[in-house]
Amino acid sequence: MTSSHIPVMVQEVLCWLHPEENSVYVDCTVGGGGHSKAILEKLKGKINILGIDRDEEALKIARAELGRYGEQVMLRQRNFRDLSVVLAEEGMEKVDGAFYDLGLSTIQLDDPRRGFSFRYDGPLDMRMDRSQSLTAAHLLRQLPGEELGDIFFRLGQERWAKRVAQFVVQERRVHPIETTSDLVEVIRKAIPARVRTKRKIHFATKIFQALRIQVNHELENIRESLICCFDLVRRQGRICFISYHSLEDRIVKEEFKKRDGTTIRILTKKVIKPSQEEIRKNPRARSARLRTAEVV
């Protein structure tokens, strides 16, 4: 089993993370193992990686991709919010650096069964950890319209959030919204054609983003993990974050700024973006933003 996922901004990560031999790094979103593999190859395997991911399917691929490095790689199915607990379980007090890639992987987006993408018809699941019970379909079925509208606006930054929520409530009275196609059709009806046709992105993008973030409690997890990460990286160790939308990036920027000059030193005064060449080869990289800080 191998991954078709293309890791984003690999050379930039290697540059800013600056991994060194005989050290220990934690990949908090190991996914298919792309960035960890690049680090291991650069150091010729003379480095230890602890890889964490909530997604069991992604970890299966990571094991296949990184298996040849044996005991140099430890993979754990956990939420990166529990980073301090995971390190304690492995007998680690500190690591030499940490890395986060907050985007969805091709593994998740291209599997219709996962329900992350409006491009495929499948169940409205959207769980990164499939052992949890809450799905996107549950939210659409159970939440009041006012609460759905708040989620769509706050987490999706959707201008037509209230109207989409009203249409969801109307539709679910006569027909359950259980699949991605069901939801896309509701959004299509709710957002006027004159607006839909002028958008640069698919008209369902923001609603799908909002539901995914809510189902997985993504923003809360990012903040909690980042706060504890500062205490778990040794002095002169680096923390790299790749985010993909303004809500994620704002949290990283705020938490970095709070500590700049006291416990950390921000290395990327301006956010690092992928090159036009990388975007041409991998369009999914276009919204990636990299920030890095060093523990002092």
Protein backbone atom coordinates (compact mmCIF):
# COMPACT_ATOMS: atom_id res chain seq x y z
CA MET A 1 0.00 0.00 0.00
CA THR A 2 1.48 3.34 -1.07
CA SER A 3 0.31 6.94 -0.99
CA SER A 4 -0.54 9.13 -3.96
CA HIS A 5 -0.51 12.15 -1.67
CA ILE A 6 2.08 14.78 -2.56
CA PRO A 7 3.52 16.45 0.57
CA VAL A 8 3.47 20.25 0.47
CA MET A 9 6.49 22.58 0.72
CA VAL A 10 8.93 19.77 1.52
CA GLN A 11 12.11 21.74 0.83
CA GLU A 12 10.85 24.70 2.86
CA VAL A 13 10.05 22.40 5.78
CA LEU A 14 13.51 20.81 5.65
CA CYS A 15 15.09 24.26 5.57
CA TRP A 16 13.14 25.83 8.42
CA LEU A 17 12.85 22.75 10.64
CA HIS A 18 16.58 22.16 10.20
CA PRO A 19 16.60 18.54 11.49
CA GLU A 20 19.92 17.18 12.74
CA GLU A 21 21.36 13.68 13.15
CA ASN A 22 20.77 11.66 16.31
CA SER A 23 17.77 13.75 17.32
CA VAL A 24 14.06 13.08 17.89
CA TYR A 25 11.30 14.86 16.01
CA VAL A 26 7.53 14.54 16.32
CA ASP A 27 5.40 14.69 13.18
CA CYS A 28 2.05 15.62 14.69
CA THR A 29 0.12 14.99 11.46
CA VAL A 30 2.07 12.18 9.86
CA GLY A 31 -0.62 11.30 7.31
CA GLY A 32 0.89 9.18 4.55
CA GLY A 33 4.38 9.88 5.87
CA GLY A 34 5.55 12.24 3.12
CA HIS A 35 7.29 14.87 5.23
CA SER A 36 8.71 12.31 7.68
CA LYS A 37 10.11 10.33 4.77
CA ALA A 38 11.83 13.44 3.40
CA ILE A 39 13.41 14.11 6.81
CA LEU A 40 14.59 10.51 7.15
CA GLU A 41 16.04 10.52 3.64
CA LYS A 42 17.87 13.79 4.23
CA LEU A 43 19.46 12.45 7.43
CA LYS A 44 20.03 8.97 5.91
CA GLY A 45 17.91 7.44 8.64
CA LYS A 46 20.11 8.85 11.43
CA ILE A 47 17.14 10.43 13.19
CA ASN A 48 14.10 9.27 15.16
CA ILE A 49 10.55 10.22 14.19
CA LEU A 50 7.45 9.91 16.36
CA GLY A 51 4.49 10.16 14.00
CA ILE A 52 0.98 10.91 15.26
CA ASP A 53 -2.29 10.83 13.34
CA ARG A 54 -5.97 10.38 14.14
CA ASP A 55 -6.64 8.59 10.86
CA GLU A 56 -6.09 4.84 10.96
CA GLU A 57 -6.10 4.56 7.15
CA ALA A 58 -3.38 7.19 6.85
CA LEU A 59 -1.24 5.37 9.43
CA LYS A 60 -1.47 2.14 7.42
CA ILE A 61 0.04 3.96 4.46
CA ALA A 62 2.66 5.66 6.64
CA ARG A 63 3.74 2.26 7.97
CA ALA A 64 4.24 1.03 4.41
CA GLU A 65 6.10 4.20 3.36
CA LEU A 66 8.37 4.35 6.42
CA GLY A 67 8.65 0.67 7.29
CA ARG A 68 12.20 0.30 6.02
CA TYR A 69 13.43 2.64 8.74
CA GLY A 70 12.41 0.16 11.44
CA GLU A 71 12.76 1.34 15.02
CA GLN A 72 13.74 4.83 13.88
CA VAL A 73 10.02 5.47 13.33
CA MET A 74 7.25 5.17 15.93
CA LEU A 75 3.67 5.63 14.71
CA ARG A 76 0.72 6.21 17.04
CA GLN A 77 -2.99 6.71 16.36
CA ARG A 78 -3.69 9.67 18.60
CA ASN A 79 -5.02 13.21 18.55
CA PHE A 80 -2.19 15.74 18.53
CA ARG A 81 -4.09 17.57 21.24
CA ASP A 82 -2.76 14.82 23.53
CA LEU A 83 0.85 15.43 22.53
CA SER A 84 2.15 15.60 26.11
CA VAL A 85 0.45 12.31 26.98
CA VAL A 86 1.83 10.56 23.90
CA LEU A 87 5.38 11.69 24.67
CA ALA A 88 5.03 10.57 28.30
CA GLU A 89 3.84 7.15 27.13
CA GLU A 90 6.98 6.87 25.00
CA GLY A 91 9.20 7.90 27.91
CA MET A 92 10.11 11.23 26.32
CA GLU A 93 10.32 14.47 28.26
CA LYS A 94 11.38 16.63 25.34
CA VAL A 95 11.84 16.37 21.56
CA ASP A 96 14.21 18.28 19.29
CA GLY A 97 11.52 19.66 17.03
CA ALA A 98 7.89 19.35 15.94
CA PHE A 99 6.02 19.68 12.69
CA TYR A 100 2.34 20.09 11.76
CA ASP A 101 0.73 19.90 8.32
CA LEU A 102 -2.89 20.78 9.01
CA GLY A 103 -4.33 20.04 5.58
CA LEU A 104 -6.44 17.12 4.46
CA SER A 105 -4.52 14.49 2.55
CA THR A 106 -5.32 13.05 -0.85
CA ILE A 107 -5.93 9.80 1.01
CA GLN A 108 -8.91 11.41 2.72
CA LEU A 109 -10.16 13.66 -0.07
CA ASP A 110 -10.19 11.01 -2.78
CA ASP A 111 -12.01 8.32 -0.79
CA PRO A 112 -15.77 8.75 -1.35
CA ARG A 113 -16.49 6.72 1.78
CA ARG A 114 -14.98 9.44 3.94
CA GLY A 115 -17.32 12.20 2.80
CA PHE A 116 -14.72 14.98 2.91
CA SER A 117 -15.10 16.08 -0.70
CA PHE A 118 -18.10 17.39 -2.63
CA ARG A 119 -16.49 15.99 -5.80
CA TYR A 120 -17.65 12.45 -4.97
CA ASP A 121 -20.97 11.03 -3.87
CA GLY A 122 -20.62 9.33 -0.51
CA PRO A 123 -21.86 9.32 3.07
CA LEU A 124 -21.59 12.60 4.99
CA ASP A 125 -18.99 11.28 7.40
CA MET A 126 -15.99 13.66 7.63
CA ARG A 127 -14.46 11.98 10.70
CA MET A 128 -10.68 11.93 10.84
CA ASP A 129 -10.91 9.39 13.65
CA ARG A 130 -13.55 6.92 12.54
CA SER A 131 -13.92 5.50 16.02
CA GLN A 132 -15.79 8.61 17.15
CA SER A 133 -19.57 8.57 16.77
CA LEU A 134 -20.26 12.14 15.61
CA THR A 135 -20.45 12.62 11.83
CA ALA A 136 -21.41 15.52 9.57
CA ALA A 137 -24.74 13.80 8.88
CA HIS A 138 -25.47 13.78 12.62
CA LEU A 139 -24.88 17.53 12.83
CA LEU A 140 -27.15 18.26 9.88
CA ARG A 141 -29.84 16.02 11.31
CA GLN A 142 -29.77 17.17 14.93
CA LEU A 143 -28.65 20.79 15.27
CA PRO A 144 -31.12 23.71 15.24
CA GLY A 145 -30.99 25.94 12.21
CA GLU A 146 -29.59 28.87 14.17
CA GLU A 147 -26.67 26.76 15.41
CA LEU A 148 -25.97 25.40 11.94
CA GLY A 149 -25.95 28.93 10.57
CA ASP A 150 -23.43 29.97 13.20
CA ILE A 151 -21.15 27.03 12.31
CA PHE A 152 -21.37 27.79 8.58
CA PHE A 153 -20.55 31.47 9.15
CA ARG A 154 -17.93 31.16 11.89
CA LEU A 155 -16.03 28.12 10.63
CA GLY A 156 -16.71 28.38 6.90
CA GLN A 157 -16.85 32.17 6.60
CA GLU A 158 -19.82 31.61 4.32
CA ARG A 159 -21.71 34.83 3.57
CA TRP A 160 -24.90 32.87 2.87
CA ALA A 161 -24.63 30.79 6.02
CA LYS A 162 -28.03 31.66 7.48
CA ARG A 163 -29.85 30.94 4.24
CA VAL A 164 -28.04 27.62 3.73
CA ALA A 165 -28.99 26.60 7.29
CA GLN A 166 -32.63 27.49 6.62
CA PHE A 167 -32.63 25.35 3.49
CA VAL A 168 -31.04 22.46 5.41
CA VAL A 169 -33.83 22.61 7.99
CA GLN A 170 -36.50 22.74 5.28
CA GLU A 171 -34.98 19.83 3.35
CA ARG A 172 -34.49 17.53 6.34
CA ARG A 173 -38.19 17.76 7.16
CA VAL A 174 -39.01 15.89 3.97
CA HIS A 175 -35.78 14.11 3.06
CA PRO A 176 -32.77 13.13 5.20
CA ILE A 177 -29.47 14.75 4.20
CA GLU A 178 -27.20 11.74 4.34
CA THR A 179 -24.81 12.04 1.39
CA THR A 180 -22.41 14.60 -0.02
CA SER A 181 -24.63 14.93 -3.09
CA ASP A 182 -27.66 15.62 -0.89
CA LEU A 183 -25.82 18.47 0.80
CA VAL A 184 -24.40 19.92 -2.43
CA GLU A 185 -27.92 20.10 -3.86
CA VAL A 186 -29.22 21.93 -0.77
CA ILE A 187 -26.36 24.44 -1.00
CA ARG A 188 -27.02 24.87 -4.72
CA LYS A 189 -30.63 25.79 -4.00
CA ALA A 190 -29.72 28.12 -1.13
CA ILE A 191 -27.02 30.21 -2.79
CA PRO A 192 -28.35 32.30 -5.70
CA ALA A 193 -27.05 31.37 -9.14
CA ARG A 194 -25.68 34.89 -9.71
CA VAL A 195 -23.43 34.34 -6.68
CA ARG A 196 -22.49 30.72 -7.38
CA THR A 197 -21.35 31.38 -10.92
CA LYS A 198 -19.04 34.23 -9.93
CA ARG A 199 -17.16 32.38 -7.19
CA LYS A 200 -13.57 31.35 -7.82
CA ILE A 201 -14.03 28.25 -5.64
CA HIS A 202 -16.80 25.66 -5.69
CA PHE A 203 -19.91 27.01 -4.01
CA ALA A 204 -19.99 24.10 -1.51
CA THR A 205 -16.39 24.54 -0.34
CA LYS A 206 -17.04 26.74 2.68
CA ILE A 207 -19.95 24.69 4.03
CA PHE A 208 -17.97 21.45 3.74
CA GLN A 209 -15.02 23.13 5.47
CA ALA A 210 -17.21 24.32 8.34
CA LEU A 211 -18.76 20.89 8.92
CA ARG A 212 -15.38 19.14 8.82
CA ILE A 213 -13.87 21.56 11.34
CA GLN A 214 -16.86 21.15 13.67
CA VAL A 215 -16.97 17.35 13.43
CA ASN A 216 -13.27 17.06 14.29
CA HIS A 217 -13.00 20.01 16.72
CA GLU A 218 -10.02 21.11 14.66
CA LEU A 219 -9.48 24.64 15.91
CA GLU A 220 -9.65 23.70 19.60
CA ASN A 221 -7.23 20.85 18.99
CA ILE A 222 -4.74 23.09 17.17
CA ARG A 223 -4.65 25.62 19.99
CA GLU A 224 -4.36 23.00 22.75
CA SER A 225 -1.62 21.10 20.94
CA LEU A 226 0.37 24.21 20.11
CA ILE A 227 0.26 25.50 23.69
CA CYS A 228 1.71 22.29 25.10
CA CYS A 229 4.14 21.87 22.19
CA PHE A 230 6.13 24.95 23.29
CA ASP A 231 6.98 23.17 26.55
CA LEU A 232 7.85 19.87 24.88
CA VAL A 233 10.49 21.08 22.43
CA ARG A 234 14.03 21.57 23.68
CA ARG A 235 15.81 24.92 23.55
CA GLN A 236 16.89 25.81 20.02
CA GLY A 237 14.41 23.26 18.71
CA ARG A 238 12.00 24.39 16.03
CA ILE A 239 8.26 24.12 15.50
CA CYS A 240 6.87 24.30 11.95
CA PHE A 241 3.22 24.76 11.02
CA ILE A 242 1.60 24.49 7.62
CA SER A 243 -1.99 25.75 7.62
CA TYR A 244 -4.47 26.04 4.77
CA HIS A 245 -7.07 28.62 5.73
CA SER A 246 -7.20 31.82 7.73
CA LEU A 247 -8.83 30.31 10.82
CA GLU A 248 -5.96 27.87 11.33
CA ASP A 249 -3.29 30.40 10.44
CA ARG A 250 -4.73 32.99 12.81
CA ILE A 251 -4.41 30.63 15.77
CA VAL A 252 -0.79 29.83 14.94
CA LYS A 253 0.04 33.51 14.38
CA GLU A 254 -1.61 34.53 17.68
CA GLU A 255 0.07 31.83 19.77
CA PHE A 256 3.46 32.61 18.22
CA LYS A 257 3.02 36.32 18.83
CA LYS A 258 2.10 35.82 22.51
CA ARG A 259 5.43 34.12 23.20
CA ASP A 260 7.75 35.87 20.78
CA GLY A 261 10.79 37.23 22.63
CA THR A 262 10.08 35.29 25.82
CA THR A 263 9.84 31.53 25.29
CA ILE A 264 10.18 31.46 21.49
CA ARG A 265 11.66 33.44 18.62
CA ILE A 266 9.60 33.73 15.46
CA LEU A 267 11.77 32.83 12.49
CA THR A 268 9.27 33.52 9.70
CA LYS A 269 8.35 37.17 10.22
CA LYS A 270 6.34 36.88 7.01
CA VAL A 271 4.39 33.74 6.25
CA ILE A 272 6.11 31.42 3.73
CA LYS A 273 4.04 30.43 0.69
CA PRO A 274 4.62 27.68 -1.89
CA SER A 275 6.36 28.57 -5.11
CA GLN A 276 4.40 29.04 -8.32
CA GLU A 277 6.21 25.99 -9.70
CA GLU A 278 4.96 23.83 -6.83
CA ILE A 279 1.41 25.16 -7.23
CA ARG A 280 1.57 24.32 -10.93
CA LYS A 281 2.61 20.75 -10.15
CA ASN A 282 0.31 20.36 -7.14
CA PRO A 283 -2.68 22.76 -7.19
CA ARG A 284 -3.72 21.64 -3.70
CA ALA A 285 -0.64 23.44 -2.35
CA ARG A 286 -1.94 26.86 -3.39
CA SER A 287 -3.44 27.80 -0.01
CA ALA A 288 -0.59 26.43 2.15
CA ARG A 289 1.09 28.82 4.61
CA LEU A 290 4.21 27.97 6.63
CA ARG A 291 5.20 29.56 9.95
CA THR A 292 8.20 28.57 12.08
CA ALA A 293 9.44 29.44 15.56
CA GLU A 294 12.48 28.43 17.64
CA VAL A 295 12.28 27.69 21.35
CA VAL A 296 14.64 29.86 23.40
